[in-house]
Amino acid sequence: MKVDIKAVLFDVDDILFDRNTAQSMILEIIVKRLPHLFNPLEMENVLEAFIESDRITIEEFEAGAPSDGLREARSKQFLRLLGICEDYADTITDIYVQDYPTLNAPVPGAISLVKELSRSHEV
């Protein structure tokens, strides 16, 4: 039986895009742009707080929280975990939204897979 494949869909995070690497990369950008907030803190602690804030907001989303405002909620949670004023949450969210899509963090093999599929499927 021949199957006529019309489309191939991928979830981006951790299928084509290495989310853990990207999270570290975006956090470095955030810390560099807002050094006055993070200067006395160790990068390892900042990363742990970011990962924990992400885990908490994903858990809340999976429990039924609306997706609108999820990034802002994560930024506020992140700052709370570090004991930093939440007034900077919008700025952190803006940096995340602007720069995250520009990061180069493919999962190993993802680029070659997409190139190979593009030979026989419309991209």
PDB file of N, CA and C in Angstrom:
ATOM      1  N   MET A   1       0.846  -1.180   0.000  1.00  0.00           N
ATOM      2  CA  MET A   1       0.000   0.000   0.000  1.00  0.00           C
ATOM      3  C   MET A   1       0.892   1.244   0.000  1.00  0.00           C
ATOM      4  N   LYS A   2       0.722   2.090  -0.979  1.00  0.00           N
ATOM      5  CA  LYS A   2       1.489   3.321  -1.092  1.00  0.00           C
ATOM      6  C   LYS A   2       0.748   4.453  -0.384  1.00  0.00           C
ATOM      7  N   VAL A   3       1.473   5.191   0.430  1.00  0.00           N
ATOM      8  CA  VAL A   3       0.893   6.313   1.164  1.00  0.00           C
ATOM      9  C   VAL A   3       1.426   7.599   0.545  1.00  0.00           C
ATOM     10  N   ASP A   4       0.521   8.477   0.209  1.00  0.00           N
ATOM     11  CA  ASP A   4       0.900   9.766  -0.358  1.00  0.00           C
ATOM     12  C   ASP A   4       1.014  10.779   0.782  1.00  0.00           C
ATOM     13  N   ILE A   5       2.238  11.091   1.175  1.00  0.00           N
ATOM     14  CA  ILE A   5       2.466  12.024   2.281  1.00  0.00           C
ATOM     15  C   ILE A   5       2.343  13.447   1.762  1.00  0.00           C
ATOM     16  N   LYS A   6       1.451  14.182   2.367  1.00  0.00           N
ATOM     17  CA  LYS A   6       1.195  15.559   1.944  1.00  0.00           C
ATOM     18  C   LYS A   6       1.977  16.564   2.776  1.00  0.00           C
ATOM     19  N   ALA A   7       2.283  16.207   4.024  1.00  0.00           N
ATOM     20  CA  ALA A   7       2.986  17.146   4.892  1.00  0.00           C
ATOM     21  C   ALA A   7       3.723  16.376   5.986  1.00  0.00           C
ATOM     22  N   VAL A   8       4.778  16.995   6.455  1.00  0.00           N
ATOM     23  CA  VAL A   8       5.509  16.477   7.607  1.00  0.00           C
ATOM     24  C   VAL A   8       5.556  17.611   8.622  1.00  0.00           C
ATOM     25  N   LEU A   9       5.029  17.370   9.805  1.00  0.00           N
ATOM     26  CA  LEU A   9       4.988  18.381  10.857  1.00  0.00           C
ATOM     27  C   LEU A   9       5.905  17.977  12.002  1.00  0.00           C
ATOM     28  N   PHE A  10       6.562  18.949  12.580  1.00  0.00           N
ATOM     29  CA  PHE A  10       7.428  18.713  13.724  1.00  0.00           C
ATOM     30  C   PHE A  10       7.073  19.695  14.830  1.00  0.00           C
ATOM     31  N   ASP A  11       7.108  19.225  16.052  1.00  0.00           N
ATOM     32  CA  ASP A  11       7.109  20.121  17.196  1.00  0.00           C
ATOM     33  C   ASP A  11       8.524  20.680  17.258  1.00  0.00           C
ATOM     34  N   VAL A  12       8.670  21.932  17.516  1.00  0.00           N
ATOM     35  CA  VAL A  12       9.991  22.550  17.462  1.00  0.00           C
ATOM     36  C   VAL A  12      10.844  22.187  18.677  1.00  0.00           C
ATOM     37  N   ASP A  13      10.344  22.468  19.886  1.00  0.00           N
ATOM     38  CA  ASP A  13      11.160  22.292  21.087  1.00  0.00           C
ATOM     39  C   ASP A  13      11.557  20.841  21.303  1.00  0.00           C
ATOM     40  N   ASP A  14      12.839  20.628  21.368  1.00  0.00           N
ATOM     41  CA  ASP A  14      13.477  19.336  21.628  1.00  0.00           C
ATOM     42  C   ASP A  14      13.253  18.300  20.534  1.00  0.00           C
ATOM     43  N   ILE A  15      12.736  18.716  19.404  1.00  0.00           N
ATOM     44  CA  ILE A  15      12.653  17.863  18.227  1.00  0.00           C
ATOM     45  C   ILE A  15      13.587  18.435  17.158  1.00  0.00           C
ATOM     46  N   LEU A  16      13.430  19.689  16.841  1.00  0.00           N
ATOM     47  CA  LEU A  16      14.322  20.372  15.913  1.00  0.00           C
ATOM     48  C   LEU A  16      15.227  21.373  16.632  1.00  0.00           C
ATOM     49  N   PHE A  17      14.745  21.900  17.732  1.00  0.00           N
ATOM     50  CA  PHE A  17      15.402  22.989  18.452  1.00  0.00           C
ATOM     51  C   PHE A  17      15.739  22.518  19.861  1.00  0.00           C
ATOM     52  N   ASP A  18      17.004  22.602  20.248  1.00  0.00           N
ATOM     53  CA  ASP A  18      17.448  22.168  21.572  1.00  0.00           C
ATOM     54  C   ASP A  18      17.047  23.238  22.596  1.00  0.00           C
ATOM     55  N   ARG A  19      15.944  23.001  23.270  1.00  0.00           N
ATOM     56  CA  ARG A  19      15.376  23.997  24.189  1.00  0.00           C
ATOM     57  C   ARG A  19      16.296  24.288  25.368  1.00  0.00           C
ATOM     58  N   ASN A  20      16.954  23.288  25.910  1.00  0.00           N
ATOM     59  CA  ASN A  20      17.856  23.526  27.047  1.00  0.00           C
ATOM     60  C   ASN A  20      19.000  24.455  26.654  1.00  0.00           C
ATOM     61  N   THR A  21      19.593  24.198  25.515  1.00  0.00           N
ATOM     62  CA  THR A  21      20.672  25.066  25.036  1.00  0.00           C
ATOM     63  C   THR A  21      20.145  26.469  24.779  1.00  0.00           C
ATOM     64  N   ALA A  22      18.984  26.544  24.144  1.00  0.00           N
ATOM     65  CA  ALA A  22      18.395  27.846  23.841  1.00  0.00           C
ATOM     66  C   ALA A  22      18.058  28.620  25.112  1.00  0.00           C
ATOM     67  N   GLN A  23      17.572  27.924  26.144  1.00  0.00           N
ATOM     68  CA  GLN A  23      17.255  28.602  27.416  1.00  0.00           C
ATOM     69  C   GLN A  23      18.525  29.222  28.011  1.00  0.00           C
ATOM     70  N   SER A  24      19.630  28.481  27.975  1.00  0.00           N
ATOM     71  CA  SER A  24      20.895  29.023  28.482  1.00  0.00           C
ATOM     72  C   SER A  24      21.347  30.218  27.656  1.00  0.00           C
ATOM     73  N   MET A  25      21.195  30.114  26.351  1.00  0.00           N
ATOM     74  CA  MET A  25      21.611  31.201  25.459  1.00  0.00           C
ATOM     75  C   MET A  25      20.782  32.464  25.684  1.00  0.00           C
ATOM     76  N   ILE A  26      19.461  32.316  25.803  1.00  0.00           N
ATOM     77  CA  ILE A  26      18.620  33.499  25.984  1.00  0.00           C
ATOM     78  C   ILE A  26      18.871  34.129  27.347  1.00  0.00           C
ATOM     79  N   LEU A  27      19.151  33.298  28.329  1.00  0.00           N
ATOM     80  CA  LEU A  27      19.433  33.835  29.661  1.00  0.00           C
ATOM     81  C   LEU A  27      20.727  34.650  29.657  1.00  0.00           C
ATOM     82  N   GLU A  28      21.731  34.198  28.932  1.00  0.00           N
ATOM     83  CA  GLU A  28      22.971  34.974  28.809  1.00  0.00           C
ATOM     84  C   GLU A  28      22.696  36.342  28.190  1.00  0.00           C
ATOM     85  N   ILE A  29      21.833  36.379  27.194  1.00  0.00           N
ATOM     86  CA  ILE A  29      21.467  37.644  26.552  1.00  0.00           C
ATOM     87  C   ILE A  29      20.757  38.551  27.558  1.00  0.00           C
ATOM     88  N   ILE A  30      19.810  37.988  28.292  1.00  0.00           N
ATOM     89  CA  ILE A  30      19.058  38.773  29.285  1.00  0.00           C
ATOM     90  C   ILE A  30      20.007  39.346  30.335  1.00  0.00           C
ATOM     91  N   VAL A  31      20.899  38.524  30.857  1.00  0.00           N
ATOM     92  CA  VAL A  31      21.838  38.967  31.897  1.00  0.00           C
ATOM     93  C   VAL A  31      22.775  40.051  31.352  1.00  0.00           C
ATOM     94  N   LYS A  32      23.237  39.907  30.115  1.00  0.00           N
ATOM     95  CA  LYS A  32      24.127  40.918  29.516  1.00  0.00           C
ATOM     96  C   LYS A  32      23.413  42.243  29.292  1.00  0.00           C
ATOM     97  N   ARG A  33      22.129  42.180  28.968  1.00  0.00           N
ATOM     98  CA  ARG A  33      21.380  43.418  28.713  1.00  0.00           C
ATOM     99  C   ARG A  33      20.929  44.103  30.001  1.00  0.00           C
ATOM    100  N   LEU A  34      20.839  43.334  31.077  1.00  0.00           N
ATOM    101  CA  LEU A  34      20.382  43.897  32.358  1.00  0.00           C
ATOM    102  C   LEU A  34      21.395  43.589  33.467  1.00  0.00           C
ATOM    103  N   PRO A  35      22.650  43.999  33.286  1.00  0.00           N
ATOM    104  CA  PRO A  35      23.672  43.632  34.273  1.00  0.00           C
ATOM    105  C   PRO A  35      23.397  44.184  35.667  1.00  0.00           C
ATOM    106  N   HIS A  36      22.734  45.330  35.754  1.00  0.00           N
ATOM    107  CA  HIS A  36      22.437  45.917  37.053  1.00  0.00           C
ATOM    108  C   HIS A  36      21.507  45.032  37.889  1.00  0.00           C
ATOM    109  N   LEU A  37      20.732  44.171  37.245  1.00  0.00           N
ATOM    110  CA  LEU A  37      19.842  43.260  37.979  1.00  0.00           C
ATOM    111  C   LEU A  37      20.567  42.011  38.469  1.00  0.00           C
ATOM    112  N   PHE A  38      21.455  41.505  37.648  1.00  0.00           N
ATOM    113  CA  PHE A  38      22.023  40.186  37.903  1.00  0.00           C
ATOM    114  C   PHE A  38      23.490  40.208  38.326  1.00  0.00           C
ATOM    115  N   ASN A  39      24.102  41.379  38.363  1.00  0.00           N
ATOM    116  CA  ASN A  39      25.532  41.498  38.615  1.00  0.00           C
ATOM    117  C   ASN A  39      26.033  40.762  39.858  1.00  0.00           C
ATOM    118  N   PRO A  40      25.386  40.856  40.998  1.00  0.00           N
ATOM    119  CA  PRO A  40      25.962  40.163  42.159  1.00  0.00           C
ATOM    120  C   PRO A  40      25.679  38.657  42.194  1.00  0.00           C
ATOM    121  N   LEU A  41      24.879  38.167  41.274  1.00  0.00           N
ATOM    122  CA  LEU A  41      24.446  36.771  41.311  1.00  0.00           C
ATOM    123  C   LEU A  41      25.335  35.882  40.445  1.00  0.00           C
ATOM    124  N   GLU A  42      25.490  34.647  40.861  1.00  0.00           N
ATOM    125  CA  GLU A  42      26.213  33.655  40.071  1.00  0.00           C
ATOM    126  C   GLU A  42      25.318  33.193  38.919  1.00  0.00           C
ATOM    127  N   MET A  43      25.893  33.049  37.744  1.00  0.00           N
ATOM    128  CA  MET A  43      25.125  32.646  36.568  1.00  0.00           C
ATOM    129  C   MET A  43      24.434  31.306  36.796  1.00  0.00           C
ATOM    130  N   GLU A  44      25.069  30.407  37.496  1.00  0.00           N
ATOM    131  CA  GLU A  44      24.475  29.100  37.778  1.00  0.00           C
ATOM    132  C   GLU A  44      23.165  29.241  38.555  1.00  0.00           C
ATOM    133  N   ASN A  45      23.145  30.143  39.536  1.00  0.00           N
ATOM    134  CA  ASN A  45      21.930  30.375  40.322  1.00  0.00           C
ATOM    135  C   ASN A  45      20.836  31.037  39.488  1.00  0.00           C
ATOM    136  N   VAL A  46      21.242  31.936  38.611  1.00  0.00           N
ATOM    137  CA  VAL A  46      20.286  32.603  37.728  1.00  0.00           C
ATOM    138  C   VAL A  46      19.655  31.576  36.782  1.00  0.00           C
ATOM    139  N   LEU A  47      20.477  30.701  36.238  1.00  0.00           N
ATOM    140  CA  LEU A  47      19.970  29.666  35.340  1.00  0.00           C
ATOM    141  C   LEU A  47      19.031  28.714  36.076  1.00  0.00           C
ATOM    142  N   GLU A  48      19.388  28.316  37.270  1.00  0.00           N
ATOM    143  CA  GLU A  48      18.515  27.433  38.060  1.00  0.00           C
ATOM    144  C   GLU A  48      17.161  28.081  38.313  1.00  0.00           C
ATOM    145  N   ALA A  49      17.164  29.376  38.638  1.00  0.00           N
ATOM    146  CA  ALA A  49      15.903  30.087  38.876  1.00  0.00           C
ATOM    147  C   ALA A  49      15.075  30.174  37.594  1.00  0.00           C
ATOM    148  N   PHE A  50      15.734  30.393  36.476  1.00  0.00           N
ATOM    149  CA  PHE A  50      15.018  30.477  35.204  1.00  0.00           C
ATOM    150  C   PHE A  50      14.387  29.135  34.855  1.00  0.00           C
ATOM    151  N   ILE A  51      15.142  28.066  35.016  1.00  0.00           N
ATOM    152  CA  ILE A  51      14.630  26.727  34.727  1.00  0.00           C
ATOM    153  C   ILE A  51      13.469  26.385  35.657  1.00  0.00           C
ATOM    154  N   GLU A  52      13.598  26.740  36.926  1.00  0.00           N
ATOM    155  CA  GLU A  52      12.523  26.472  37.890  1.00  0.00           C
ATOM    156  C   GLU A  52      11.284  27.298  37.555  1.00  0.00           C
ATOM    157  N   SER A  53      11.461  28.553  37.182  1.00  0.00           N
ATOM    158  CA  SER A  53      10.307  29.380  36.819  1.00  0.00           C
ATOM    159  C   SER A  53       9.625  28.822  35.577  1.00  0.00           C
ATOM    160  N   ASP A  54      10.397  28.306  34.655  1.00  0.00           N
ATOM    161  CA  ASP A  54       9.833  27.680  33.458  1.00  0.00           C
ATOM    162  C   ASP A  54       9.048  26.426  33.826  1.00  0.00           C
ATOM    163  N   ARG A  55       9.607  25.615  34.708  1.00  0.00           N
ATOM    164  CA  ARG A  55       8.934  24.389  35.153  1.00  0.00           C
ATOM    165  C   ARG A  55       7.608  24.724  35.827  1.00  0.00           C
ATOM    166  N   ILE A  56       7.618  25.722  36.685  1.00  0.00           N
ATOM    167  CA  ILE A  56       6.410  26.118  37.416  1.00  0.00           C
ATOM    168  C   ILE A  56       5.329  26.606  36.457  1.00  0.00           C
ATOM    169  N   THR A  57       5.694  27.457  35.499  1.00  0.00           N
ATOM    170  CA  THR A  57       4.678  27.989  34.594  1.00  0.00           C
ATOM    171  C   THR A  57       4.157  26.914  33.636  1.00  0.00           C
ATOM    172  N   ILE A  58       4.998  25.984  33.238  1.00  0.00           N
ATOM    173  CA  ILE A  58       4.521  24.869  32.404  1.00  0.00           C
ATOM    174  C   ILE A  58       3.533  24.019  33.206  1.00  0.00           C
ATOM    175  N   GLU A  59       3.863  23.781  34.452  1.00  0.00           N
ATOM    176  CA  GLU A  59       2.973  23.008  35.326  1.00  0.00           C
ATOM    177  C   GLU A  59       1.624  23.720  35.484  1.00  0.00           C
ATOM    178  N   GLU A  60       1.646  25.030  35.658  1.00  0.00           N
ATOM    179  CA  GLU A  60       0.412  25.802  35.780  1.00  0.00           C
ATOM    180  C   GLU A  60      -0.397  25.752  34.481  1.00  0.00           C
ATOM    181  N   PHE A  61       0.286  25.844  33.343  1.00  0.00           N
ATOM    182  CA  PHE A  61      -0.391  25.761  32.047  1.00  0.00           C
ATOM    183  C   PHE A  61      -1.050  24.400  31.880  1.00  0.00           C
ATOM    184  N   GLU A  62      -0.315  23.344  32.213  1.00  0.00           N
ATOM    185  CA  GLU A  62      -0.860  21.990  32.083  1.00  0.00           C
ATOM    186  C   GLU A  62      -2.023  21.747  33.039  1.00  0.00           C
ATOM    187  N   ALA A  63      -2.089  22.544  34.115  1.00  0.00           N
ATOM    188  CA  ALA A  63      -3.191  22.428  35.065  1.00  0.00           C
ATOM    189  C   ALA A  63      -4.387  23.287  34.656  1.00  0.00           C
ATOM    190  N   GLY A  64      -4.253  24.013  33.516  1.00  0.00           N
ATOM    191  CA  GLY A  64      -5.390  24.765  33.020  1.00  0.00           C
ATOM    192  C   GLY A  64      -5.220  26.269  32.964  1.00  0.00           C
ATOM    193  N   ALA A  65      -4.078  26.803  33.371  1.00  0.00           N
ATOM    194  CA  ALA A  65      -3.861  28.252  33.276  1.00  0.00           C
ATOM    195  C   ALA A  65      -3.857  28.657  31.809  1.00  0.00           C
ATOM    196  N   PRO A  66      -4.415  29.823  31.485  1.00  0.00           N
ATOM    197  CA  PRO A  66      -4.449  30.259  30.086  1.00  0.00           C
ATOM    198  C   PRO A  66      -3.043  30.555  29.559  1.00  0.00           C
ATOM    199  N   SER A  67      -2.864  30.373  28.262  1.00  0.00           N
ATOM    200  CA  SER A  67      -1.550  30.622  27.664  1.00  0.00           C
ATOM    201  C   SER A  67      -1.253  32.111  27.540  1.00  0.00           C
ATOM    202  N   ASP A  68      -2.302  32.938  27.483  1.00  0.00           N
ATOM    203  CA  ASP A  68      -2.082  34.385  27.439  1.00  0.00           C
ATOM    204  C   ASP A  68      -1.368  34.828  28.712  1.00  0.00           C
ATOM    205  N   GLY A  69      -0.285  35.519  28.555  1.00  0.00           N
ATOM    206  CA  GLY A  69       0.437  36.028  29.707  1.00  0.00           C
ATOM    207  C   GLY A  69       1.367  35.021  30.369  1.00  0.00           C
ATOM    208  N   LEU A  70       1.531  33.861  29.755  1.00  0.00           N
ATOM    209  CA  LEU A  70       2.359  32.813  30.351  1.00  0.00           C
ATOM    210  C   LEU A  70       3.827  33.229  30.445  1.00  0.00           C
ATOM    211  N   ARG A  71       4.329  33.864  29.395  1.00  0.00           N
ATOM    212  CA  ARG A  71       5.731  34.310  29.430  1.00  0.00           C
ATOM    213  C   ARG A  71       5.948  35.369  30.502  1.00  0.00           C
ATOM    214  N   GLU A  72       4.993  36.275  30.629  1.00  0.00           N
ATOM    215  CA  GLU A  72       5.100  37.311  31.663  1.00  0.00           C
ATOM    216  C   GLU A  72       5.069  36.675  33.047  1.00  0.00           C
ATOM    217  N   ALA A  73       4.213  35.685  33.226  1.00  0.00           N
ATOM    218  CA  ALA A  73       4.140  34.988  34.514  1.00  0.00           C
ATOM    219  C   ALA A  73       5.455  34.293  34.824  1.00  0.00           C
ATOM    220  N   ARG A  74       6.066  33.695  33.801  1.00  0.00           N
ATOM    221  CA  ARG A  74       7.362  33.043  34.004  1.00  0.00           C
ATOM    222  C   ARG A  74       8.416  34.076  34.400  1.00  0.00           C
ATOM    223  N   SER A  75       8.425  35.223  33.744  1.00  0.00           N
ATOM    224  CA  SER A  75       9.402  36.262  34.072  1.00  0.00           C
ATOM    225  C   SER A  75       9.226  36.758  35.504  1.00  0.00           C
ATOM    226  N   LYS A  76       7.989  36.939  35.924  1.00  0.00           N
ATOM    227  CA  LYS A  76       7.728  37.366  37.302  1.00  0.00           C
ATOM    228  C   LYS A  76       8.179  36.304  38.300  1.00  0.00           C
ATOM    229  N   GLN A  77       7.861  35.058  38.004  1.00  0.00           N
ATOM    230  CA  GLN A  77       8.275  33.953  38.870  1.00  0.00           C
ATOM    231  C   GLN A  77       9.801  33.884  38.954  1.00  0.00           C
ATOM    232  N   PHE A  78      10.459  34.040  37.836  1.00  0.00           N
ATOM    233  CA  PHE A  78      11.919  34.041  37.752  1.00  0.00           C
ATOM    234  C   PHE A  78      12.508  35.108  38.673  1.00  0.00           C
ATOM    235  N   LEU A  79      11.985  36.307  38.576  1.00  0.00           N
ATOM    236  CA  LEU A  79      12.491  37.405  39.408  1.00  0.00           C
ATOM    237  C   LEU A  79      12.191  37.168  40.889  1.00  0.00           C
ATOM    238  N   ARG A  80      10.999  36.651  41.187  1.00  0.00           N
ATOM    239  CA  ARG A  80      10.654  36.336  42.585  1.00  0.00           C
ATOM    240  C   ARG A  80      11.636  35.321  43.173  1.00  0.00           C
ATOM    241  N   LEU A  81      11.954  34.293  42.405  1.00  0.00           N
ATOM    242  CA  LEU A  81      12.874  33.261  42.884  1.00  0.00           C
ATOM    243  C   LEU A  81      14.258  33.834  43.195  1.00  0.00           C
ATOM    244  N   LEU A  82      14.623  34.890  42.478  1.00  0.00           N
ATOM    245  CA  LEU A  82      15.925  35.526  42.706  1.00  0.00           C
ATOM    246  C   LEU A  82      15.860  36.680  43.706  1.00  0.00           C
ATOM    247  N   GLY A  83      14.652  37.019  44.148  1.00  0.00           N
ATOM    248  CA  GLY A  83      14.498  38.133  45.085  1.00  0.00           C
ATOM    249  C   GLY A  83      14.678  39.486  44.421  1.00  0.00           C
ATOM    250  N   ILE A  84      14.355  39.553  43.125  1.00  0.00           N
ATOM    251  CA  ILE A  84      14.495  40.792  42.357  1.00  0.00           C
ATOM    252  C   ILE A  84      13.098  41.356  42.100  1.00  0.00           C
ATOM    253  N   CYS A  85      12.997  42.674  42.100  1.00  0.00           N
ATOM    254  CA  CYS A  85      11.731  43.364  41.866  1.00  0.00           C
ATOM    255  C   CYS A  85      11.092  42.908  40.560  1.00  0.00           C
ATOM    256  N   GLU A  86       9.812  42.583  40.612  1.00  0.00           N
ATOM    257  CA  GLU A  86       9.080  42.090  39.450  1.00  0.00           C
ATOM    258  C   GLU A  86       8.826  43.161  38.390  1.00  0.00           C
ATOM    259  N   ASP A  87       9.170  44.407  38.682  1.00  0.00           N
ATOM    260  CA  ASP A  87       8.952  45.485  37.715  1.00  0.00           C
ATOM    261  C   ASP A  87       9.700  45.255  36.402  1.00  0.00           C
ATOM    262  N   TYR A  88      10.718  44.417  36.424  1.00  0.00           N
ATOM    263  CA  TYR A  88      11.517  44.154  35.227  1.00  0.00           C
ATOM    264  C   TYR A  88      10.979  42.974  34.403  1.00  0.00           C
ATOM    265  N   ALA A  89       9.880  42.391  34.820  1.00  0.00           N
ATOM    266  CA  ALA A  89       9.337  41.212  34.136  1.00  0.00           C
ATOM    267  C   ALA A  89       8.993  41.507  32.674  1.00  0.00           C
ATOM    268  N   ASP A  90       8.384  42.652  32.406  1.00  0.00           N
ATOM    269  CA  ASP A  90       8.027  42.986  31.021  1.00  0.00           C
ATOM    270  C   ASP A  90       9.267  43.132  30.148  1.00  0.00           C
ATOM    271  N   THR A  91      10.311  43.730  30.695  1.00  0.00           N
ATOM    272  CA  THR A  91      11.560  43.902  29.947  1.00  0.00           C
ATOM    273  C   THR A  91      12.182  42.547  29.631  1.00  0.00           C
ATOM    274  N   ILE A  92      12.205  41.655  30.610  1.00  0.00           N
ATOM    275  CA  ILE A  92      12.751  40.319  30.402  1.00  0.00           C
ATOM    276  C   ILE A  92      11.925  39.562  29.362  1.00  0.00           C
ATOM    277  N   THR A  93      10.619  39.668  29.456  1.00  0.00           N
ATOM    278  CA  THR A  93       9.743  39.008  28.482  1.00  0.00           C
ATOM    279  C   THR A  93       9.973  39.566  27.084  1.00  0.00           C
ATOM    280  N   ASP A  94      10.118  40.878  26.966  1.00  0.00           N
ATOM    281  CA  ASP A  94      10.362  41.495  25.661  1.00  0.00           C
ATOM    282  C   ASP A  94      11.669  40.996  25.043  1.00  0.00           C
ATOM    283  N   ILE A  95      12.722  40.916  25.839  1.00  0.00           N
ATOM    284  CA  ILE A  95      14.003  40.408  25.345  1.00  0.00           C
ATOM    285  C   ILE A  95      13.834  38.962  24.887  1.00  0.00           C
ATOM    286  N   TYR A  96      13.158  38.171  25.692  1.00  0.00           N
ATOM    287  CA  TYR A  96      12.935  36.763  25.365  1.00  0.00           C
ATOM    288  C   TYR A  96      12.193  36.625  24.027  1.00  0.00           C
ATOM    289  N   VAL A  97      11.090  37.339  23.897  1.00  0.00           N
ATOM    290  CA  VAL A  97      10.260  37.239  22.695  1.00  0.00           C
ATOM    291  C   VAL A  97      11.026  37.721  21.462  1.00  0.00           C
ATOM    292  N   GLN A  98      11.806  38.763  21.605  1.00  0.00           N
ATOM    293  CA  GLN A  98      12.545  39.330  20.473  1.00  0.00           C
ATOM    294  C   GLN A  98      13.717  38.432  20.059  1.00  0.00           C
ATOM    295  N   ASP A  99      14.471  37.922  21.020  1.00  0.00           N
ATOM    296  CA  ASP A  99      15.731  37.249  20.695  1.00  0.00           C
ATOM    297  C   ASP A  99      15.663  35.726  20.630  1.00  0.00           C
ATOM    298  N   TYR A 100      14.719  35.111  21.311  1.00  0.00           N
ATOM    299  CA  TYR A 100      14.656  33.646  21.330  1.00  0.00           C
ATOM    300  C   TYR A 100      14.549  33.050  19.923  1.00  0.00           C
ATOM    301  N   PRO A 101      13.707  33.612  19.046  1.00  0.00           N
ATOM    302  CA  PRO A 101      13.592  33.025  17.702  1.00  0.00           C
ATOM    303  C   PRO A 101      14.873  33.141  16.858  1.00  0.00           C
ATOM    304  N   THR A 102      15.799  33.986  17.257  1.00  0.00           N
ATOM    305  CA  THR A 102      17.028  34.182  16.474  1.00  0.00           C
ATOM    306  C   THR A 102      18.151  33.242  16.901  1.00  0.00           C
ATOM    307  N   LEU A 103      17.940  32.486  17.966  1.00  0.00           N
ATOM    308  CA  LEU A 103      18.999  31.629  18.494  1.00  0.00           C
ATOM    309  C   LEU A 103      19.270  30.442  17.574  1.00  0.00           C
ATOM    310  N   ASN A 104      20.516  30.057  17.525  1.00  0.00           N
ATOM    311  CA  ASN A 104      20.931  28.923  16.709  1.00  0.00           C
ATOM    312  C   ASN A 104      21.224  27.759  17.652  1.00  0.00           C
ATOM    313  N   ALA A 105      20.221  26.923  17.875  1.00  0.00           N
ATOM    314  CA  ALA A 105      20.360  25.803  18.808  1.00  0.00           C
ATOM    315  C   ALA A 105      19.649  24.562  18.272  1.00  0.00           C
ATOM    316  N   PRO A 106      20.048  24.088  17.100  1.00  0.00           N
ATOM    317  CA  PRO A 106      19.366  22.912  16.563  1.00  0.00           C
ATOM    318  C   PRO A 106      19.751  21.638  17.311  1.00  0.00           C
ATOM    319  N   VAL A 107      18.824  20.708  17.354  1.00  0.00           N
ATOM    320  CA  VAL A 107      19.105  19.367  17.865  1.00  0.00           C
ATOM    321  C   VAL A 107      20.052  18.714  16.854  1.00  0.00           C
ATOM    322  N   PRO A 108      21.051  17.959  17.323  1.00  0.00           N
ATOM    323  CA  PRO A 108      21.944  17.287  16.372  1.00  0.00           C
ATOM    324  C   PRO A 108      21.160  16.476  15.339  1.00  0.00           C
ATOM    325  N   GLY A 109      21.478  16.699  14.083  1.00  0.00           N
ATOM    326  CA  GLY A 109      20.817  15.991  12.993  1.00  0.00           C
ATOM    327  C   GLY A 109      19.591  16.686  12.436  1.00  0.00           C
ATOM    328  N   ALA A 110      19.084  17.707  13.126  1.00  0.00           N
ATOM    329  CA  ALA A 110      17.850  18.368  12.686  1.00  0.00           C
ATOM    330  C   ALA A 110      18.023  19.073  11.348  1.00  0.00           C
ATOM    331  N   ILE A 111      19.122  19.768  11.171  1.00  0.00           N
ATOM    332  CA  ILE A 111      19.332  20.510   9.923  1.00  0.00           C
ATOM    333  C   ILE A 111      19.432  19.552   8.739  1.00  0.00           C
ATOM    334  N   SER A 112      20.203  18.502   8.906  1.00  0.00           N
ATOM    335  CA  SER A 112      20.331  17.548   7.797  1.00  0.00           C
ATOM    336  C   SER A 112      18.999  16.855   7.508  1.00  0.00           C
ATOM    337  N   LEU A 113      18.213  16.589   8.528  1.00  0.00           N
ATOM    338  CA  LEU A 113      16.896  15.975   8.326  1.00  0.00           C
ATOM    339  C   LEU A 113      15.987  16.889   7.515  1.00  0.00           C
ATOM    340  N   VAL A 114      15.935  18.148   7.881  1.00  0.00           N
ATOM    341  CA  VAL A 114      15.077  19.102   7.175  1.00  0.00           C
ATOM    342  C   VAL A 114      15.564  19.279   5.734  1.00  0.00           C
ATOM    343  N   LYS A 115      16.879  19.361   5.547  1.00  0.00           N
ATOM    344  CA  LYS A 115      17.415  19.476   4.182  1.00  0.00           C
ATOM    345  C   LYS A 115      17.032  18.268   3.344  1.00  0.00           C
ATOM    346  N   GLU A 116      17.157  17.086   3.919  1.00  0.00           N
ATOM    347  CA  GLU A 116      16.815  15.861   3.193  1.00  0.00           C
ATOM    348  C   GLU A 116      15.327  15.835   2.837  1.00  0.00           C
ATOM    349  N   LEU A 117      14.479  16.190   3.788  1.00  0.00           N
ATOM    350  CA  LEU A 117      13.040  16.208   3.511  1.00  0.00           C
ATOM    351  C   LEU A 117      12.674  17.263   2.472  1.00  0.00           C
ATOM    352  N   SER A 118      13.429  18.367   2.438  1.00  0.00           N
ATOM    353  CA  SER A 118      13.113  19.438   1.497  1.00  0.00           C
ATOM    354  C   SER A 118      13.372  19.019   0.045  1.00  0.00           C
ATOM    355  N   ARG A 119      14.140  17.966  -0.152  1.00  0.00           N
ATOM    356  CA  ARG A 119      14.383  17.480  -1.515  1.00  0.00           C
ATOM    357  C   ARG A 119      13.126  16.865  -2.138  1.00  0.00           C
ATOM    358  N   SER A 120      12.289  16.306  -1.280  1.00  0.00           N
ATOM    359  CA  SER A 120      11.101  15.634  -1.815  1.00  0.00           C
ATOM    360  C   SER A 120       9.779  16.235  -1.328  1.00  0.00           C
ATOM    361  N   HIS A 121       9.858  17.248  -0.468  1.00  0.00           N
ATOM    362  CA  HIS A 121       8.649  17.880   0.070  1.00  0.00           C
ATOM    363  C   HIS A 121       8.797  19.392   0.010  1.00  0.00           C
ATOM    364  N   GLU A 122       7.692  20.071  -0.180  1.00  0.00           N
ATOM    365  CA  GLU A 122       7.703  21.510  -0.192  1.00  0.00           C
ATOM    366  C   GLU A 122       8.001  22.036   1.200  1.00  0.00           C
ATOM    367  N   VAL A 123       8.864  23.036   1.277  1.00  0.00           N
ATOM    368  CA  VAL A 123       9.239  23.622   2.571  1.00  0.00           C
ATOM    369  C   VAL A 123       8.456  24.875   2.815  1.00  0.00           C
TER     370      VAL A 123
END
